[in-house]
């Protein structure tokens, strides 16, 4: 996430040369593209951490430090 980022609430994904932005609520890609396997793993991770993603989005909008979210095991 980036401070002063645009709605809808989303997070950024980077994998090799691939980049995407995924909506927190729907887990749909709103910009960019990812390989299918990476997309599936990212959706699994985001579904497990959706509340934390929402909280970090709110923190970012208020200019506060973000909380670290653990990666997928």
PDB file of N, CA and C in Angstrom:
ATOM      1  N   UNK A   1       0.833  -1.177   0.000  1.00  0.00           N
ATOM      2  CA  UNK A   1       0.000   0.000   0.000  1.00  0.00           C
ATOM      3  C   UNK A   1       0.878   1.239   0.000  1.00  0.00           C
ATOM      4  N   UNK A   2       0.309   2.287  -0.561  1.00  0.00           N
ATOM      5  CA  UNK A   2       1.006   3.561  -0.593  1.00  0.00           C
ATOM      6  C   UNK A   2       0.129   4.618   0.068  1.00  0.00           C
ATOM      7  N   UNK A   3       0.778   5.541   0.757  1.00  0.00           N
ATOM      8  CA  UNK A   3       0.048   6.664   1.335  1.00  0.00           C
ATOM      9  C   UNK A   3      -0.513   7.508   0.198  1.00  0.00           C
ATOM     10  N   UNK A   4      -1.660   8.115   0.427  1.00  0.00           N
ATOM     11  CA  UNK A   4      -2.325   8.962  -0.567  1.00  0.00           C
ATOM     12  C   UNK A   4      -2.668   8.216  -1.848  1.00  0.00           C
ATOM     13  N   UNK A   5      -2.880   6.908  -1.758  1.00  0.00           N
ATOM     14  CA  UNK A   5      -3.267   6.130  -2.930  1.00  0.00           C
ATOM     15  C   UNK A   5      -4.746   6.367  -3.213  1.00  0.00           C
ATOM     16  N   UNK A   6      -5.172   6.045  -4.406  1.00  0.00           N
ATOM     17  CA  UNK A   6      -6.531   6.305  -4.873  1.00  0.00           C
ATOM     18  C   UNK A   6      -7.489   5.181  -4.474  1.00  0.00           C
ATOM     19  N   UNK A   7      -8.776   5.502  -4.284  1.00  0.00           N
ATOM     20  CA  UNK A   7      -9.783   4.464  -4.072  1.00  0.00           C
ATOM     21  C   UNK A   7      -9.974   3.661  -5.363  1.00  0.00           C
ATOM     22  N   UNK A   8     -10.531   2.497  -5.326  1.00  0.00           N
ATOM     23  CA  UNK A   8     -11.034   1.774  -4.169  1.00  0.00           C
ATOM     24  C   UNK A   8      -9.877   1.227  -3.332  1.00  0.00           C
ATOM     25  N   UNK A   9     -10.171   0.837  -2.080  1.00  0.00           N
ATOM     26  CA  UNK A   9      -9.128   0.250  -1.247  1.00  0.00           C
ATOM     27  C   UNK A   9      -8.482  -0.943  -1.952  1.00  0.00           C
ATOM     28  N   UNK A  10      -7.166  -0.927  -2.028  1.00  0.00           N
ATOM     29  CA  UNK A  10      -6.459  -1.977  -2.760  1.00  0.00           C
ATOM     30  C   UNK A  10      -5.038  -2.113  -2.228  1.00  0.00           C
ATOM     31  N   UNK A  11      -4.362  -3.144  -2.688  1.00  0.00           N
ATOM     32  CA  UNK A  11      -2.961  -3.332  -2.362  1.00  0.00           C
ATOM     33  C   UNK A  11      -2.215  -3.673  -3.646  1.00  0.00           C
ATOM     34  N   UNK A  12      -0.919  -3.476  -3.605  1.00  0.00           N
ATOM     35  CA  UNK A  12      -0.071  -3.687  -4.778  1.00  0.00           C
ATOM     36  C   UNK A  12       0.649  -5.025  -4.660  1.00  0.00           C
ATOM     37  N   UNK A  13       0.758  -5.719  -5.773  1.00  0.00           N
ATOM     38  CA  UNK A  13       1.437  -7.013  -5.834  1.00  0.00           C
ATOM     39  C   UNK A  13       2.540  -6.915  -6.872  1.00  0.00           C
ATOM     40  N   UNK A  14       3.735  -7.398  -6.515  1.00  0.00           N
ATOM     41  CA  UNK A  14       4.853  -7.443  -7.457  1.00  0.00           C
ATOM     42  C   UNK A  14       5.420  -8.858  -7.457  1.00  0.00           C
ATOM     43  N   UNK A  15       5.611  -9.403  -8.643  1.00  0.00           N
ATOM     44  CA  UNK A  15       6.192 -10.738  -8.796  1.00  0.00           C
ATOM     45  C   UNK A  15       7.016 -10.728 -10.071  1.00  0.00           C
ATOM     46  N   UNK A  16       8.338 -10.742  -9.908  1.00  0.00           N
ATOM     47  CA  UNK A  16       9.200 -10.652 -11.084  1.00  0.00           C
ATOM     48  C   UNK A  16       8.880  -9.395 -11.864  1.00  0.00           C
ATOM     49  N   UNK A  17       8.614  -9.552 -13.151  1.00  0.00           N
ATOM     50  CA  UNK A  17       8.278  -8.395 -13.983  1.00  0.00           C
ATOM     51  C   UNK A  17       6.784  -8.055 -13.949  1.00  0.00           C
ATOM     52  N   UNK A  18       5.995  -8.835 -13.217  1.00  0.00           N
ATOM     53  CA  UNK A  18       4.549  -8.620 -13.147  1.00  0.00           C
ATOM     54  C   UNK A  18       4.200  -7.677 -12.004  1.00  0.00           C
ATOM     55  N   UNK A  19       3.220  -6.821 -12.245  1.00  0.00           N
ATOM     56  CA  UNK A  19       2.711  -5.880 -11.246  1.00  0.00           C
ATOM     57  C   UNK A  19       1.192  -5.853 -11.356  1.00  0.00           C
ATOM     58  N   UNK A  20       0.528  -5.736 -10.206  1.00  0.00           N
ATOM     59  CA  UNK A  20      -0.934  -5.647 -10.216  1.00  0.00           C
ATOM     60  C   UNK A  20      -1.398  -4.891  -8.977  1.00  0.00           C
ATOM     61  N   UNK A  21      -2.606  -4.386  -9.071  1.00  0.00           N
ATOM     62  CA  UNK A  21      -3.311  -3.804  -7.933  1.00  0.00           C
ATOM     63  C   UNK A  21      -4.567  -4.635  -7.744  1.00  0.00           C
ATOM     64  N   UNK A  22      -4.793  -5.071  -6.496  1.00  0.00           N
ATOM     65  CA  UNK A  22      -5.951  -5.912  -6.203  1.00  0.00           C
ATOM     66  C   UNK A  22      -6.864  -5.214  -5.207  1.00  0.00           C
ATOM     67  N   UNK A  23      -8.158  -5.214  -5.511  1.00  0.00           N
ATOM     68  CA  UNK A  23      -9.157  -4.628  -4.615  1.00  0.00           C
ATOM     69  C   UNK A  23      -9.265  -5.476  -3.350  1.00  0.00           C
ATOM     70  N   UNK A  24      -9.277  -4.840  -2.209  1.00  0.00           N
ATOM     71  CA  UNK A  24      -9.357  -5.567  -0.942  1.00  0.00           C
ATOM     72  C   UNK A  24     -10.701  -6.276  -0.800  1.00  0.00           C
ATOM     73  N   UNK A  25     -11.777  -5.623  -1.159  1.00  0.00           N
ATOM     74  CA  UNK A  25     -13.104  -6.204  -0.934  1.00  0.00           C
ATOM     75  C   UNK A  25     -13.425  -7.358  -1.867  1.00  0.00           C
ATOM     76  N   UNK A  26     -13.053  -7.256  -3.130  1.00  0.00           N
ATOM     77  CA  UNK A  26     -13.436  -8.277  -4.108  1.00  0.00           C
ATOM     78  C   UNK A  26     -12.294  -9.206  -4.493  1.00  0.00           C
ATOM     79  N   UNK A  27     -11.069  -8.808  -4.184  1.00  0.00           N
ATOM     80  CA  UNK A  27      -9.848  -9.515  -4.579  1.00  0.00           C
ATOM     81  C   UNK A  27      -9.694  -9.607  -6.098  1.00  0.00           C
ATOM     82  N   UNK A  28     -10.366  -8.714  -6.795  1.00  0.00           N
ATOM     83  CA  UNK A  28     -10.230  -8.643  -8.251  1.00  0.00           C
ATOM     84  C   UNK A  28      -9.036  -7.768  -8.596  1.00  0.00           C
ATOM     85  N   UNK A  29      -8.384  -8.097  -9.692  1.00  0.00           N
ATOM     86  CA  UNK A  29      -7.309  -7.243 -10.188  1.00  0.00           C
ATOM     87  C   UNK A  29      -7.954  -6.015 -10.813  1.00  0.00           C
ATOM     88  N   UNK A  30      -7.547  -4.832 -10.331  1.00  0.00           N
ATOM     89  CA  UNK A  30      -8.094  -3.602 -10.889  1.00  0.00           C
ATOM     90  C   UNK A  30      -7.123  -2.946 -11.858  1.00  0.00           C
ATOM     91  N   UNK A  31      -5.870  -3.408 -11.824  1.00  0.00           N
ATOM     92  CA  UNK A  31      -4.895  -2.925 -12.795  1.00  0.00           C
ATOM     93  C   UNK A  31      -3.736  -3.912 -12.837  1.00  0.00           C
ATOM     94  N   UNK A  32      -3.192  -4.145 -14.015  1.00  0.00           N
ATOM     95  CA  UNK A  32      -2.040  -5.019 -14.171  1.00  0.00           C
ATOM     96  C   UNK A  32      -2.433  -6.460 -14.400  1.00  0.00           C
ATOM     97  N   UNK A  33      -1.438  -7.354 -14.234  1.00  0.00           N
ATOM     98  CA  UNK A  33      -1.695  -8.775 -14.415  1.00  0.00           C
ATOM     99  C   UNK A  33      -0.680  -9.589 -13.636  1.00  0.00           C
ATOM    100  N   UNK A  34      -1.095 -10.826 -13.305  1.00  0.00           N
ATOM    101  CA  UNK A  34      -0.251 -11.770 -12.590  1.00  0.00           C
ATOM    102  C   UNK A  34      -0.411 -13.149 -13.224  1.00  0.00           C
ATOM    103  N   UNK A  35       0.628 -13.982 -13.142  1.00  0.00           N
ATOM    104  CA  UNK A  35       0.453 -15.368 -13.567  1.00  0.00           C
ATOM    105  C   UNK A  35      -0.631 -16.039 -12.718  1.00  0.00           C
ATOM    106  N   UNK A  36      -1.324 -16.992 -13.280  1.00  0.00           N
ATOM    107  CA  UNK A  36      -2.459 -17.636 -12.598  1.00  0.00           C
ATOM    108  C   UNK A  36      -2.068 -18.182 -11.217  1.00  0.00           C
ATOM    109  N   UNK A  37      -0.934 -18.863 -11.128  1.00  0.00           N
ATOM    110  CA  UNK A  37      -0.502 -19.432  -9.846  1.00  0.00           C
ATOM    111  C   UNK A  37      -0.281 -18.329  -8.809  1.00  0.00           C
ATOM    112  N   UNK A  38       0.356 -17.254  -9.195  1.00  0.00           N
ATOM    113  CA  UNK A  38       0.612 -16.136  -8.279  1.00  0.00           C
ATOM    114  C   UNK A  38      -0.706 -15.480  -7.878  1.00  0.00           C
ATOM    115  N   UNK A  39      -1.614 -15.345  -8.823  1.00  0.00           N
ATOM    116  CA  UNK A  39      -2.928 -14.771  -8.538  1.00  0.00           C
ATOM    117  C   UNK A  39      -3.657 -15.628  -7.499  1.00  0.00           C
ATOM    118  N   UNK A  40      -3.634 -16.943  -7.668  1.00  0.00           N
ATOM    119  CA  UNK A  40      -4.319 -17.825  -6.717  1.00  0.00           C
ATOM    120  C   UNK A  40      -3.704 -17.748  -5.327  1.00  0.00           C
ATOM    121  N   UNK A  41      -2.371 -17.737  -5.246  1.00  0.00           N
ATOM    122  CA  UNK A  41      -1.702 -17.630  -3.944  1.00  0.00           C
ATOM    123  C   UNK A  41      -1.986 -16.282  -3.289  1.00  0.00           C
ATOM    124  N   UNK A  42      -2.001 -15.225  -4.091  1.00  0.00           N
ATOM    125  CA  UNK A  42      -2.277 -13.893  -3.560  1.00  0.00           C
ATOM    126  C   UNK A  42      -3.712 -13.800  -3.048  1.00  0.00           C
ATOM    127  N   UNK A  43      -4.644 -14.383  -3.769  1.00  0.00           N
ATOM    128  CA  UNK A  43      -6.040 -14.377  -3.321  1.00  0.00           C
ATOM    129  C   UNK A  43      -6.198 -15.154  -2.021  1.00  0.00           C
ATOM    130  N   UNK A  44      -5.505 -16.278  -1.904  1.00  0.00           N
ATOM    131  CA  UNK A  44      -5.556 -17.072  -0.671  1.00  0.00           C
ATOM    132  C   UNK A  44      -5.019 -16.250   0.502  1.00  0.00           C
ATOM    133  N   UNK A  45      -3.862 -15.609   0.295  1.00  0.00           N
ATOM    134  CA  UNK A  45      -3.262 -14.785   1.341  1.00  0.00           C
ATOM    135  C   UNK A  45      -4.180 -13.626   1.718  1.00  0.00           C
ATOM    136  N   UNK A  46      -4.700 -12.921   0.724  1.00  0.00           N
ATOM    137  CA  UNK A  46      -5.535 -11.746   0.982  1.00  0.00           C
ATOM    138  C   UNK A  46      -6.829 -12.119   1.697  1.00  0.00           C
ATOM    139  N   UNK A  47      -7.408 -13.263   1.348  1.00  0.00           N
ATOM    140  CA  UNK A  47      -8.633 -13.699   2.015  1.00  0.00           C
ATOM    141  C   UNK A  47      -8.371 -13.959   3.498  1.00  0.00           C
ATOM    142  N   UNK A  48      -7.206 -14.508   3.815  1.00  0.00           N
ATOM    143  CA  UNK A  48      -6.843 -14.763   5.209  1.00  0.00           C
ATOM    144  C   UNK A  48      -6.573 -13.474   5.983  1.00  0.00           C
ATOM    145  N   UNK A  49      -6.160 -12.431   5.291  1.00  0.00           N
ATOM    146  CA  UNK A  49      -5.720 -11.197   5.945  1.00  0.00           C
ATOM    147  C   UNK A  49      -6.552  -9.970   5.551  1.00  0.00           C
ATOM    148  N   UNK A  50      -7.759 -10.192   5.111  1.00  0.00           N
ATOM    149  CA  UNK A  50      -8.580  -9.081   4.619  1.00  0.00           C
ATOM    150  C   UNK A  50      -8.806  -8.014   5.692  1.00  0.00           C
ATOM    151  N   UNK A  51      -9.067  -8.422   6.923  1.00  0.00           N
ATOM    152  CA  UNK A  51      -9.276  -7.431   7.989  1.00  0.00           C
ATOM    153  C   UNK A  51      -8.016  -6.598   8.215  1.00  0.00           C
ATOM    154  N   UNK A  52      -6.855  -7.241   8.163  1.00  0.00           N
ATOM    155  CA  UNK A  52      -5.593  -6.514   8.333  1.00  0.00           C
ATOM    156  C   UNK A  52      -5.342  -5.561   7.163  1.00  0.00           C
ATOM    157  N   UNK A  53      -5.693  -5.994   5.960  1.00  0.00           N
ATOM    158  CA  UNK A  53      -5.558  -5.129   4.786  1.00  0.00           C
ATOM    159  C   UNK A  53      -6.462  -3.907   4.913  1.00  0.00           C
ATOM    160  N   UNK A  54      -7.685  -4.126   5.365  1.00  0.00           N
ATOM    161  CA  UNK A  54      -8.614  -3.001   5.578  1.00  0.00           C
ATOM    162  C   UNK A  54      -8.045  -2.026   6.614  1.00  0.00           C
ATOM    163  N   UNK A  55      -7.513  -2.583   7.706  1.00  0.00           N
ATOM    164  CA  UNK A  55      -6.956  -1.736   8.764  1.00  0.00           C
ATOM    165  C   UNK A  55      -5.754  -0.949   8.240  1.00  0.00           C
ATOM    166  N   UNK A  56      -4.883  -1.590   7.459  1.00  0.00           N
ATOM    167  CA  UNK A  56      -3.732  -0.886   6.902  1.00  0.00           C
ATOM    168  C   UNK A  56      -4.165   0.190   5.912  1.00  0.00           C
ATOM    169  N   UNK A  57      -5.204  -0.062   5.143  1.00  0.00           N
ATOM    170  CA  UNK A  57      -5.704   0.955   4.220  1.00  0.00           C
ATOM    171  C   UNK A  57      -6.138   2.197   5.012  1.00  0.00           C
ATOM    172  N   UNK A  58      -6.868   1.968   6.105  1.00  0.00           N
ATOM    173  CA  UNK A  58      -7.319   3.095   6.936  1.00  0.00           C
ATOM    174  C   UNK A  58      -6.125   3.835   7.538  1.00  0.00           C
ATOM    175  N   UNK A  59      -5.113   3.098   8.002  1.00  0.00           N
ATOM    176  CA  UNK A  59      -3.919   3.740   8.540  1.00  0.00           C
ATOM    177  C   UNK A  59      -3.227   4.586   7.471  1.00  0.00           C
ATOM    178  N   UNK A  60      -3.084   4.037   6.287  1.00  0.00           N
ATOM    179  CA  UNK A  60      -2.419   4.765   5.196  1.00  0.00           C
ATOM    180  C   UNK A  60      -3.179   6.043   4.858  1.00  0.00           C
ATOM    181  N   UNK A  61      -4.491   5.963   4.822  1.00  0.00           N
ATOM    182  CA  UNK A  61      -5.300   7.142   4.501  1.00  0.00           C
ATOM    183  C   UNK A  61      -5.135   8.237   5.559  1.00  0.00           C
ATOM    184  N   UNK A  62      -4.787   7.827   6.786  1.00  0.00           N
ATOM    185  CA  UNK A  62      -4.588   8.786   7.876  1.00  0.00           C
ATOM    186  C   UNK A  62      -3.120   9.137   8.082  1.00  0.00           C
ATOM    187  N   UNK A  63      -2.263   8.663   7.174  1.00  0.00           N
ATOM    188  CA  UNK A  63      -0.851   8.990   7.255  1.00  0.00           C
ATOM    189  C   UNK A  63      -0.115   8.327   8.401  1.00  0.00           C
ATOM    190  N   UNK A  64      -0.649   7.235   8.914  1.00  0.00           N
ATOM    191  CA  UNK A  64      -0.043   6.529  10.035  1.00  0.00           C
ATOM    192  C   UNK A  64       0.778   5.336   9.538  1.00  0.00           C
ATOM    193  N   UNK A  65       1.742   4.893  10.337  1.00  0.00           N
ATOM    194  CA  UNK A  65       2.542   3.729   9.937  1.00  0.00           C
ATOM    195  C   UNK A  65       1.675   2.485   9.759  1.00  0.00           C
ATOM    196  N   UNK A  66       1.995   1.703   8.751  1.00  0.00           N
ATOM    197  CA  UNK A  66       1.252   0.477   8.475  1.00  0.00           C
ATOM    198  C   UNK A  66       1.744  -0.652   9.367  1.00  0.00           C
ATOM    199  N   UNK A  67       0.852  -1.584   9.642  1.00  0.00           N
ATOM    200  CA  UNK A  67       1.201  -2.789  10.380  1.00  0.00           C
ATOM    201  C   UNK A  67       1.688  -3.849   9.378  1.00  0.00           C
ATOM    202  N   UNK A  68       2.709  -4.596   9.771  1.00  0.00           N
ATOM    203  CA  UNK A  68       3.225  -5.654   8.911  1.00  0.00           C
ATOM    204  C   UNK A  68       2.218  -6.807   8.872  1.00  0.00           C
ATOM    205  N   UNK A  69       2.015  -7.359   7.697  1.00  0.00           N
ATOM    206  CA  UNK A  69       1.135  -8.509   7.526  1.00  0.00           C
ATOM    207  C   UNK A  69       2.018  -9.688   7.123  1.00  0.00           C
ATOM    208  N   UNK A  70       1.881 -10.777   7.834  1.00  0.00           N
ATOM    209  CA  UNK A  70       2.740 -11.929   7.589  1.00  0.00           C
ATOM    210  C   UNK A  70       2.497 -12.501   6.195  1.00  0.00           C
ATOM    211  N   UNK A  71       3.551 -13.020   5.559  1.00  0.00           N
ATOM    212  CA  UNK A  71       3.381 -13.628   4.236  1.00  0.00           C
ATOM    213  C   UNK A  71       2.703 -14.991   4.331  1.00  0.00           C
ATOM    214  N   UNK A  72       2.292 -15.511   3.205  1.00  0.00           N
ATOM    215  CA  UNK A  72       1.687 -16.844   3.132  1.00  0.00           C
ATOM    216  C   UNK A  72       2.757 -17.881   3.389  1.00  0.00           C
ATOM    217  N   UNK A  73       2.452 -18.858   4.233  1.00  0.00           N
ATOM    218  CA  UNK A  73       3.411 -19.938   4.529  1.00  0.00           C
ATOM    219  C   UNK A  73       3.478 -20.928   3.392  1.00  0.00           C
TER     220      UNK A  73
END
